[in-house]
């Protein structure tokens, strides 16, 4: 872990990566960060002991550059980086929808680029990071990317052609669960429960169900059927969900997220 890593645009996800790497054994002296605001830079330095530098300095000093700015800000950042990035730098992009070819075309020929879509549970070390190699990225670059993102959760490799689908499922996925918890909390209130009690019941049900899915090895259909007694309460609830097209709505919603990821790749705002 003697190589230097720079996180460019250290928002919530960028800071989660920094803290995850430190917990995984990276020395703060080997980590750099760039920010737009001086007060944010000072905050990160005090909290994590990392050095805050300019984007140009990061490109010159770090072996790996992790670009965590928003997709609409990436063009400006690449313009700033291009004169300073040699071909041996590993570029890791965390921007939704942007293909590795965009970076390869705007940086030095032969620059290795890895595309990663992570999600907000990285903030609590339960993230899911989906990794794809660009044209010039080889096994050592993928391993280094897995080493970095493994500090904040799990990683999986997919062909880049599957990144838009992974973004729709995993990158946006936590929001779907939060939306579901919000709706179920409202239902609990409608049935007469106080909000705090309804929230506690639903969150623990979600944690328990997620643990069973992750650790139990059983198919979700089997787990659902285990709760669904003949003529019982659960089957009546499932019937209403099906009557209201909830399954179809999820399919349509995730397709819409996939399409938006593709639109970002094509340059739509």
C-alpha atoms as a PDB file:
ATOM      1  CA  UNK A   1       0.000   0.000   0.000  1.00  0.00           C
ATOM      2  CA  UNK A   2       2.945   2.342  -0.607  1.00  0.00           C
ATOM      3  CA  UNK A   3       1.416   3.764  -3.777  1.00  0.00           C
ATOM      4  CA  UNK A   4      -0.302   7.113  -3.514  1.00  0.00           C
ATOM      5  CA  UNK A   5      -4.012   7.439  -4.174  1.00  0.00           C
ATOM      6  CA  UNK A   6      -5.819  10.728  -4.782  1.00  0.00           C
ATOM      7  CA  UNK A   7      -9.559  11.245  -4.445  1.00  0.00           C
ATOM      8  CA  UNK A   8     -10.669  14.118  -6.645  1.00  0.00           C
ATOM      9  CA  UNK A   9     -13.927  15.680  -5.502  1.00  0.00           C
ATOM     10  CA  UNK A  10     -14.245  14.320  -1.982  1.00  0.00           C
ATOM     11  CA  UNK A  11     -17.966  14.469  -1.280  1.00  0.00           C
ATOM     12  CA  UNK A  12     -19.725  11.845   0.815  1.00  0.00           C
ATOM     13  CA  UNK A  13     -18.668   8.874  -1.309  1.00  0.00           C
ATOM     14  CA  UNK A  14     -15.142  10.208  -1.737  1.00  0.00           C
ATOM     15  CA  UNK A  15     -14.753  10.658   1.998  1.00  0.00           C
ATOM     16  CA  UNK A  16     -16.199   7.175   2.593  1.00  0.00           C
ATOM     17  CA  UNK A  17     -13.467   5.762   0.346  1.00  0.00           C
ATOM     18  CA  UNK A  18     -10.782   7.692   2.215  1.00  0.00           C
ATOM     19  CA  UNK A  19     -11.940   6.502   5.622  1.00  0.00           C
ATOM     20  CA  UNK A  20     -12.407   2.944   4.323  1.00  0.00           C
ATOM     21  CA  UNK A  21      -8.873   2.836   2.950  1.00  0.00           C
ATOM     22  CA  UNK A  22      -7.475   4.121   6.240  1.00  0.00           C
ATOM     23  CA  UNK A  23      -9.371   1.431   8.168  1.00  0.00           C
ATOM     24  CA  UNK A  24      -8.051  -1.138   5.701  1.00  0.00           C
ATOM     25  CA  UNK A  25      -4.457  -0.137   6.460  1.00  0.00           C
ATOM     26  CA  UNK A  26      -3.603   2.696   4.076  1.00  0.00           C
ATOM     27  CA  UNK A  27      -1.423   5.347   5.697  1.00  0.00           C
ATOM     28  CA  UNK A  28      -2.918   8.861   5.473  1.00  0.00           C
ATOM     29  CA  UNK A  29       0.472   9.995   4.143  1.00  0.00           C
ATOM     30  CA  UNK A  30      -0.237   7.931   1.009  1.00  0.00           C
ATOM     31  CA  UNK A  31      -3.640   9.524   0.419  1.00  0.00           C
ATOM     32  CA  UNK A  32      -4.384  12.847  -1.273  1.00  0.00           C
ATOM     33  CA  UNK A  33      -7.644  14.707  -1.710  1.00  0.00           C
ATOM     34  CA  UNK A  34      -8.917  17.607  -3.790  1.00  0.00           C
ATOM     35  CA  UNK A  35     -11.931  19.789  -3.038  1.00  0.00           C
ATOM     36  CA  UNK A  36     -13.509  22.962  -4.356  1.00  0.00           C
ATOM     37  CA  UNK A  37     -13.731  24.676  -0.965  1.00  0.00           C
ATOM     38  CA  UNK A  38     -10.821  25.445   1.366  1.00  0.00           C
ATOM     39  CA  UNK A  39     -12.937  24.819   4.470  1.00  0.00           C
ATOM     40  CA  UNK A  40     -13.843  21.332   3.201  1.00  0.00           C
ATOM     41  CA  UNK A  41     -10.157  20.607   2.574  1.00  0.00           C
ATOM     42  CA  UNK A  42      -9.292  21.646   6.124  1.00  0.00           C
ATOM     43  CA  UNK A  43     -12.125  19.510   7.492  1.00  0.00           C
ATOM     44  CA  UNK A  44     -10.829  16.408   5.686  1.00  0.00           C
ATOM     45  CA  UNK A  45      -7.266  17.088   6.802  1.00  0.00           C
ATOM     46  CA  UNK A  46      -8.292  17.391  10.447  1.00  0.00           C
ATOM     47  CA  UNK A  47     -10.610  14.391  10.351  1.00  0.00           C
ATOM     48  CA  UNK A  48      -8.426  11.951   8.397  1.00  0.00           C
ATOM     49  CA  UNK A  49      -4.914  13.410   8.337  1.00  0.00           C
ATOM     50  CA  UNK A  50      -4.805  13.441   4.522  1.00  0.00           C
ATOM     51  CA  UNK A  51      -3.066  16.088   2.444  1.00  0.00           C
ATOM     52  CA  UNK A  52      -5.257  18.374   0.343  1.00  0.00           C
ATOM     53  CA  UNK A  53      -3.794  19.415  -3.020  1.00  0.00           C
ATOM     54  CA  UNK A  54      -4.866  20.868  -6.357  1.00  0.00           C
ATOM     55  CA  UNK A  55      -6.111  18.622  -9.162  1.00  0.00           C
ATOM     56  CA  UNK A  56      -2.914  19.222 -11.121  1.00  0.00           C
ATOM     57  CA  UNK A  57      -0.747  18.307  -8.122  1.00  0.00           C
ATOM     58  CA  UNK A  58      -2.798  15.156  -7.543  1.00  0.00           C
ATOM     59  CA  UNK A  59      -2.222  14.101 -11.157  1.00  0.00           C
ATOM     60  CA  UNK A  60       1.528  14.550 -10.769  1.00  0.00           C
ATOM     61  CA  UNK A  61       1.933  12.958  -7.330  1.00  0.00           C
ATOM     62  CA  UNK A  62      -0.556  10.061  -7.145  1.00  0.00           C
ATOM     63  CA  UNK A  63      -0.301   6.651  -8.814  1.00  0.00           C
ATOM     64  CA  UNK A  64      -4.105   6.278  -8.815  1.00  0.00           C
ATOM     65  CA  UNK A  65      -6.666   9.016  -9.375  1.00  0.00           C
ATOM     66  CA  UNK A  66     -10.251   8.369  -8.249  1.00  0.00           C
ATOM     67  CA  UNK A  67     -12.623  10.809  -9.935  1.00  0.00           C
ATOM     68  CA  UNK A  68     -15.775  11.213  -7.844  1.00  0.00           C
ATOM     69  CA  UNK A  69     -17.205  14.442  -9.260  1.00  0.00           C
ATOM     70  CA  UNK A  70     -20.690  14.572 -10.787  1.00  0.00           C
ATOM     71  CA  UNK A  71     -21.004  13.494 -14.439  1.00  0.00           C
ATOM     72  CA  UNK A  72     -21.818  17.043 -15.562  1.00  0.00           C
ATOM     73  CA  UNK A  73     -18.579  18.301 -13.970  1.00  0.00           C
ATOM     74  CA  UNK A  74     -16.332  15.599 -15.427  1.00  0.00           C
ATOM     75  CA  UNK A  75     -15.526  17.371 -18.700  1.00  0.00           C
ATOM     76  CA  UNK A  76     -14.139  20.394 -16.865  1.00  0.00           C
ATOM     77  CA  UNK A  77     -12.061  18.167 -14.582  1.00  0.00           C
ATOM     78  CA  UNK A  78     -10.616  16.202 -17.492  1.00  0.00           C
ATOM     79  CA  UNK A  79      -9.636  19.420 -19.247  1.00  0.00           C
ATOM     80  CA  UNK A  80      -7.729  20.402 -16.114  1.00  0.00           C
ATOM     81  CA  UNK A  81      -6.095  16.989 -15.686  1.00  0.00           C
ATOM     82  CA  UNK A  82      -5.169  16.162 -19.280  1.00  0.00           C
ATOM     83  CA  UNK A  83      -1.859  18.104 -19.434  1.00  0.00           C
ATOM     84  CA  UNK A  84      -0.631  16.486 -16.211  1.00  0.00           C
ATOM     85  CA  UNK A  85      -1.660  12.808 -16.403  1.00  0.00           C
ATOM     86  CA  UNK A  86       1.040  10.446 -17.737  1.00  0.00           C
ATOM     87  CA  UNK A  87       0.027   7.155 -19.315  1.00  0.00           C
ATOM     88  CA  UNK A  88       1.047   5.096 -16.278  1.00  0.00           C
ATOM     89  CA  UNK A  89      -1.589   6.640 -14.001  1.00  0.00           C
ATOM     90  CA  UNK A  90      -4.603   4.515 -13.119  1.00  0.00           C
ATOM     91  CA  UNK A  91      -7.818   6.495 -13.546  1.00  0.00           C
ATOM     92  CA  UNK A  92     -10.858   5.228 -11.630  1.00  0.00           C
ATOM     93  CA  UNK A  93     -14.140   6.873 -12.572  1.00  0.00           C
ATOM     94  CA  UNK A  94     -17.082   6.808 -10.197  1.00  0.00           C
ATOM     95  CA  UNK A  95     -19.358   8.904 -12.435  1.00  0.00           C
ATOM     96  CA  UNK A  96     -22.667   7.340 -13.429  1.00  0.00           C
ATOM     97  CA  UNK A  97     -23.169   6.738 -17.128  1.00  0.00           C
ATOM     98  CA  UNK A  98     -19.763   7.879 -18.392  1.00  0.00           C
ATOM     99  CA  UNK A  99     -17.929   5.211 -20.455  1.00  0.00           C
ATOM    100  CA  UNK A 100     -14.217   4.513 -20.143  1.00  0.00           C
ATOM    101  CA  UNK A 101     -13.744   5.594 -23.775  1.00  0.00           C
ATOM    102  CA  UNK A 102     -14.561   9.186 -22.802  1.00  0.00           C
ATOM    103  CA  UNK A 103     -11.562   9.238 -20.461  1.00  0.00           C
ATOM    104  CA  UNK A 104      -9.291   7.326 -22.842  1.00  0.00           C
ATOM    105  CA  UNK A 105      -9.997   9.814 -25.625  1.00  0.00           C
ATOM    106  CA  UNK A 106      -9.290  12.882 -23.495  1.00  0.00           C
ATOM    107  CA  UNK A 107      -6.223  11.674 -21.610  1.00  0.00           C
ATOM    108  CA  UNK A 108      -2.797  10.425 -22.707  1.00  0.00           C
ATOM    109  CA  UNK A 109      -2.995   7.484 -25.127  1.00  0.00           C
ATOM    110  CA  UNK A 110      -2.719   4.189 -23.272  1.00  0.00           C
ATOM    111  CA  UNK A 111      -3.970   5.495 -19.908  1.00  0.00           C
ATOM    112  CA  UNK A 112      -5.643   2.645 -17.962  1.00  0.00           C
ATOM    113  CA  UNK A 113      -9.204   3.494 -16.932  1.00  0.00           C
ATOM    114  CA  UNK A 114     -11.500   1.502 -14.651  1.00  0.00           C
ATOM    115  CA  UNK A 115     -15.173   2.379 -14.295  1.00  0.00           C
ATOM    116  CA  UNK A 116     -16.816   1.825 -10.909  1.00  0.00           C
ATOM    117  CA  UNK A 117     -20.378   2.291  -9.747  1.00  0.00           C
ATOM    118  CA  UNK A 118     -20.658   2.130  -5.994  1.00  0.00           C
ATOM    119  CA  UNK A 119     -23.628   3.039  -3.788  1.00  0.00           C
ATOM    120  CA  UNK A 120     -24.336   4.958  -0.599  1.00  0.00           C
ATOM    121  CA  UNK A 121     -24.094   1.983   1.820  1.00  0.00           C
ATOM    122  CA  UNK A 122     -20.358   2.475   1.269  1.00  0.00           C
ATOM    123  CA  UNK A 123     -20.802   5.112   3.978  1.00  0.00           C
ATOM    124  CA  UNK A 124     -21.322   2.265   6.483  1.00  0.00           C
ATOM    125  CA  UNK A 125     -18.892  -0.223   4.840  1.00  0.00           C
ATOM    126  CA  UNK A 126     -21.747  -2.150   3.206  1.00  0.00           C
ATOM    127  CA  UNK A 127     -21.378  -0.789  -0.303  1.00  0.00           C
ATOM    128  CA  UNK A 128     -21.636  -2.724  -3.547  1.00  0.00           C
ATOM    129  CA  UNK A 129     -19.078  -1.590  -6.112  1.00  0.00           C
ATOM    130  CA  UNK A 130     -19.406  -2.770  -9.712  1.00  0.00           C
ATOM    131  CA  UNK A 131     -16.087  -2.685 -11.592  1.00  0.00           C
ATOM    132  CA  UNK A 132     -15.368  -2.674 -15.334  1.00  0.00           C
ATOM    133  CA  UNK A 133     -12.044  -2.421 -17.147  1.00  0.00           C
ATOM    134  CA  UNK A 134     -11.393  -0.027 -19.991  1.00  0.00           C
ATOM    135  CA  UNK A 135      -9.297  -0.838 -23.057  1.00  0.00           C
ATOM    136  CA  UNK A 136      -5.899  -0.392 -21.398  1.00  0.00           C
ATOM    137  CA  UNK A 137      -6.723  -1.624 -17.871  1.00  0.00           C
ATOM    138  CA  UNK A 138      -5.331  -5.051 -16.981  1.00  0.00           C
ATOM    139  CA  UNK A 139      -5.495  -7.409 -14.038  1.00  0.00           C
ATOM    140  CA  UNK A 140      -3.159  -5.345 -11.801  1.00  0.00           C
ATOM    141  CA  UNK A 141      -5.411  -2.304 -12.277  1.00  0.00           C
ATOM    142  CA  UNK A 142      -8.543  -4.282 -11.451  1.00  0.00           C
ATOM    143  CA  UNK A 143      -6.898  -5.741  -8.346  1.00  0.00           C
ATOM    144  CA  UNK A 144      -5.865  -2.286  -7.163  1.00  0.00           C
ATOM    145  CA  UNK A 145      -9.420  -1.029  -7.705  1.00  0.00           C
ATOM    146  CA  UNK A 146     -10.809  -3.972  -5.744  1.00  0.00           C
ATOM    147  CA  UNK A 147      -8.322  -3.278  -2.951  1.00  0.00           C
ATOM    148  CA  UNK A 148      -9.537   0.309  -2.680  1.00  0.00           C
ATOM    149  CA  UNK A 149     -13.285  -0.309  -2.913  1.00  0.00           C
ATOM    150  CA  UNK A 150     -13.103  -3.496  -0.860  1.00  0.00           C
ATOM    151  CA  UNK A 151     -12.538  -1.261   2.152  1.00  0.00           C
ATOM    152  CA  UNK A 152     -16.148  -0.043   1.985  1.00  0.00           C
ATOM    153  CA  UNK A 153     -18.018  -3.226   1.057  1.00  0.00           C
ATOM    154  CA  UNK A 154     -18.152  -5.859  -1.657  1.00  0.00           C
ATOM    155  CA  UNK A 155     -16.950  -5.666  -5.259  1.00  0.00           C
ATOM    156  CA  UNK A 156     -17.972  -7.481  -8.412  1.00  0.00           C
ATOM    157  CA  UNK A 157     -16.597  -7.330 -11.940  1.00  0.00           C
ATOM    158  CA  UNK A 158     -18.866  -7.010 -14.975  1.00  0.00           C
ATOM    159  CA  UNK A 159     -18.297  -6.172 -18.647  1.00  0.00           C
ATOM    160  CA  UNK A 160     -18.736  -2.464 -19.221  1.00  0.00           C
ATOM    161  CA  UNK A 161     -21.756  -3.186 -21.420  1.00  0.00           C
ATOM    162  CA  UNK A 162     -23.575  -4.201 -18.210  1.00  0.00           C
ATOM    163  CA  UNK A 163     -22.692  -1.070 -16.225  1.00  0.00           C
ATOM    164  CA  UNK A 164     -25.897   0.808 -17.029  1.00  0.00           C
ATOM    165  CA  UNK A 165     -27.954  -2.134 -15.774  1.00  0.00           C
ATOM    166  CA  UNK A 166     -25.793  -2.398 -12.652  1.00  0.00           C
ATOM    167  CA  UNK A 167     -26.218   1.337 -12.025  1.00  0.00           C
ATOM    168  CA  UNK A 168     -30.002   0.984 -12.232  1.00  0.00           C
ATOM    169  CA  UNK A 169     -30.057  -2.010  -9.878  1.00  0.00           C
ATOM    170  CA  UNK A 170     -27.251  -1.378  -7.410  1.00  0.00           C
ATOM    171  CA  UNK A 171     -26.248   2.258  -7.703  1.00  0.00           C
ATOM    172  CA  UNK A 172     -29.846   3.445  -7.385  1.00  0.00           C
ATOM    173  CA  UNK A 173     -30.982   0.378  -5.433  1.00  0.00           C
ATOM    174  CA  UNK A 174     -30.749   1.792  -1.896  1.00  0.00           C
ATOM    175  CA  UNK A 175     -33.202   4.544  -2.861  1.00  0.00           C
ATOM    176  CA  UNK A 176     -35.803   1.946  -3.802  1.00  0.00           C
ATOM    177  CA  UNK A 177     -35.533   0.349  -0.355  1.00  0.00           C
ATOM    178  CA  UNK A 178     -35.702   3.724   1.373  1.00  0.00           C
ATOM    179  CA  UNK A 179     -38.810   4.532  -0.667  1.00  0.00           C
ATOM    180  CA  UNK A 180     -40.359   1.213   0.357  1.00  0.00           C
ATOM    181  CA  UNK A 181     -39.589   1.820   4.046  1.00  0.00           C
ATOM    182  CA  UNK A 182     -41.116   5.293   3.760  1.00  0.00           C
ATOM    183  CA  UNK A 183     -44.309   3.855   2.245  1.00  0.00           C
ATOM    184  CA  UNK A 184     -44.525   1.084   4.842  1.00  0.00           C
ATOM    185  CA  UNK A 185     -44.035   3.608   7.646  1.00  0.00           C
ATOM    186  CA  UNK A 186     -46.969   5.611   6.303  1.00  0.00           C
ATOM    187  CA  UNK A 187     -49.004   2.398   6.224  1.00  0.00           C
ATOM    188  CA  UNK A 188     -48.137   1.720   9.851  1.00  0.00           C
ATOM    189  CA  UNK A 189     -49.289   5.204  10.825  1.00  0.00           C
ATOM    190  CA  UNK A 190     -52.508   4.671   8.863  1.00  0.00           C
ATOM    191  CA  UNK A 191     -53.092   1.517  10.910  1.00  0.00           C
ATOM    192  CA  UNK A 192     -52.676   3.430  14.159  1.00  0.00           C
ATOM    193  CA  UNK A 193     -49.011   2.946  15.106  1.00  0.00           C
ATOM    194  CA  UNK A 194     -46.848   5.871  16.244  1.00  0.00           C
ATOM    195  CA  UNK A 195     -44.293   6.874  13.597  1.00  0.00           C
ATOM    196  CA  UNK A 196     -41.262   5.894  15.691  1.00  0.00           C
ATOM    197  CA  UNK A 197     -42.683   2.441  16.448  1.00  0.00           C
ATOM    198  CA  UNK A 198     -43.660   1.845  12.821  1.00  0.00           C
ATOM    199  CA  UNK A 199     -40.176   2.886  11.698  1.00  0.00           C
ATOM    200  CA  UNK A 200     -38.458   0.615  14.225  1.00  0.00           C
ATOM    201  CA  UNK A 201     -40.579  -2.380  13.231  1.00  0.00           C
ATOM    202  CA  UNK A 202     -39.966  -1.908   9.514  1.00  0.00           C
ATOM    203  CA  UNK A 203     -36.233  -1.204   9.747  1.00  0.00           C
ATOM    204  CA  UNK A 204     -35.635  -4.308  11.854  1.00  0.00           C
ATOM    205  CA  UNK A 205     -37.729  -6.372   9.436  1.00  0.00           C
ATOM    206  CA  UNK A 206     -35.584  -5.036   6.591  1.00  0.00           C
ATOM    207  CA  UNK A 207     -32.315  -5.774   8.422  1.00  0.00           C
ATOM    208  CA  UNK A 208     -33.459  -9.287   9.307  1.00  0.00           C
ATOM    209  CA  UNK A 209     -34.735 -10.023   5.808  1.00  0.00           C
ATOM    210  CA  UNK A 210     -31.521  -8.701   4.227  1.00  0.00           C
ATOM    211  CA  UNK A 211     -29.390 -10.859   6.518  1.00  0.00           C
ATOM    212  CA  UNK A 212     -31.436 -13.942   5.611  1.00  0.00           C
ATOM    213  CA  UNK A 213     -31.028 -13.161   1.911  1.00  0.00           C
ATOM    214  CA  UNK A 214     -27.276 -12.610   2.224  1.00  0.00           C
ATOM    215  CA  UNK A 215     -26.345 -15.365   4.642  1.00  0.00           C
ATOM    216  CA  UNK A 216     -29.060 -18.018   4.333  1.00  0.00           C
ATOM    217  CA  UNK A 217     -28.446 -19.155   0.780  1.00  0.00           C
ATOM    218  CA  UNK A 218     -32.160 -19.590   0.014  1.00  0.00           C
ATOM    219  CA  UNK A 219     -33.939 -18.127  -3.004  1.00  0.00           C
ATOM    220  CA  UNK A 220     -36.085 -15.056  -2.235  1.00  0.00           C
ATOM    221  CA  UNK A 221     -39.167 -16.889  -3.517  1.00  0.00           C
ATOM    222  CA  UNK A 222     -38.572 -19.636  -0.934  1.00  0.00           C
ATOM    223  CA  UNK A 223     -38.107 -17.088   1.831  1.00  0.00           C
ATOM    224  CA  UNK A 224     -41.298 -15.297   0.853  1.00  0.00           C
ATOM    225  CA  UNK A 225     -43.257 -18.547   0.665  1.00  0.00           C
ATOM    226  CA  UNK A 226     -42.068 -19.437   4.180  1.00  0.00           C
ATOM    227  CA  UNK A 227     -43.907 -16.361   5.453  1.00  0.00           C
ATOM    228  CA  UNK A 228     -46.985 -16.842   3.265  1.00  0.00           C
ATOM    229  CA  UNK A 229     -49.459 -19.151   4.999  1.00  0.00           C
ATOM    230  CA  UNK A 230     -52.592 -20.358   3.150  1.00  0.00           C
ATOM    231  CA  UNK A 231     -55.450 -17.870   3.550  1.00  0.00           C
ATOM    232  CA  UNK A 232     -53.261 -15.815   5.906  1.00  0.00           C
ATOM    233  CA  UNK A 233     -52.451 -12.151   6.252  1.00  0.00           C
ATOM    234  CA  UNK A 234     -49.348 -12.153   4.045  1.00  0.00           C
ATOM    235  CA  UNK A 235     -50.966 -13.727   0.971  1.00  0.00           C
ATOM    236  CA  UNK A 236     -53.724 -11.123   1.121  1.00  0.00           C
ATOM    237  CA  UNK A 237     -51.114  -8.380   1.175  1.00  0.00           C
ATOM    238  CA  UNK A 238     -49.195  -9.990  -1.725  1.00  0.00           C
ATOM    239  CA  UNK A 239     -52.426 -10.198  -3.744  1.00  0.00           C
ATOM    240  CA  UNK A 240     -52.953  -6.446  -3.316  1.00  0.00           C
ATOM    241  CA  UNK A 241     -49.363  -5.710  -4.370  1.00  0.00           C
ATOM    242  CA  UNK A 242     -49.877  -7.776  -7.519  1.00  0.00           C
ATOM    243  CA  UNK A 243     -53.283  -6.174  -8.185  1.00  0.00           C
ATOM    244  CA  UNK A 244     -51.677  -2.752  -8.035  1.00  0.00           C
ATOM    245  CA  UNK A 245     -48.865  -3.739 -10.397  1.00  0.00           C
ATOM    246  CA  UNK A 246     -46.029  -3.282  -7.931  1.00  0.00           C
ATOM    247  CA  UNK A 247     -43.811  -5.870  -9.650  1.00  0.00           C
ATOM    248  CA  UNK A 248     -44.392  -4.256 -13.052  1.00  0.00           C
ATOM    249  CA  UNK A 249     -43.739  -0.824 -11.555  1.00  0.00           C
ATOM    250  CA  UNK A 250     -40.340  -1.968 -10.258  1.00  0.00           C
ATOM    251  CA  UNK A 251     -39.445  -3.373 -13.674  1.00  0.00           C
ATOM    252  CA  UNK A 252     -40.421  -0.096 -15.341  1.00  0.00           C
ATOM    253  CA  UNK A 253     -38.614   2.005 -12.723  1.00  0.00           C
ATOM    254  CA  UNK A 254     -35.343   0.103 -13.069  1.00  0.00           C
ATOM    255  CA  UNK A 255     -35.558   0.255 -16.852  1.00  0.00           C
ATOM    256  CA  UNK A 256     -36.038   4.034 -16.553  1.00  0.00           C
ATOM    257  CA  UNK A 257     -32.923   4.292 -14.380  1.00  0.00           C
ATOM    258  CA  UNK A 258     -30.984   2.228 -16.933  1.00  0.00           C
ATOM    259  CA  UNK A 259     -32.176   4.510 -19.747  1.00  0.00           C
ATOM    260  CA  UNK A 260     -31.108   7.594 -17.805  1.00  0.00           C
ATOM    261  CA  UNK A 261     -27.648   6.117 -17.317  1.00  0.00           C
ATOM    262  CA  UNK A 262     -27.427   5.625 -21.078  1.00  0.00           C
ATOM    263  CA  UNK A 263     -28.596   9.184 -21.658  1.00  0.00           C
ATOM    264  CA  UNK A 264     -25.815  10.514 -19.441  1.00  0.00           C
ATOM    265  CA  UNK A 265     -23.319   8.551 -21.512  1.00  0.00           C
ATOM    266  CA  UNK A 266     -24.625  10.181 -24.678  1.00  0.00           C
ATOM    267  CA  UNK A 267     -24.103  13.651 -23.228  1.00  0.00           C
ATOM    268  CA  UNK A 268     -27.683  14.565 -22.340  1.00  0.00           C
ATOM    269  CA  UNK A 269     -27.926  16.883 -19.361  1.00  0.00           C
END
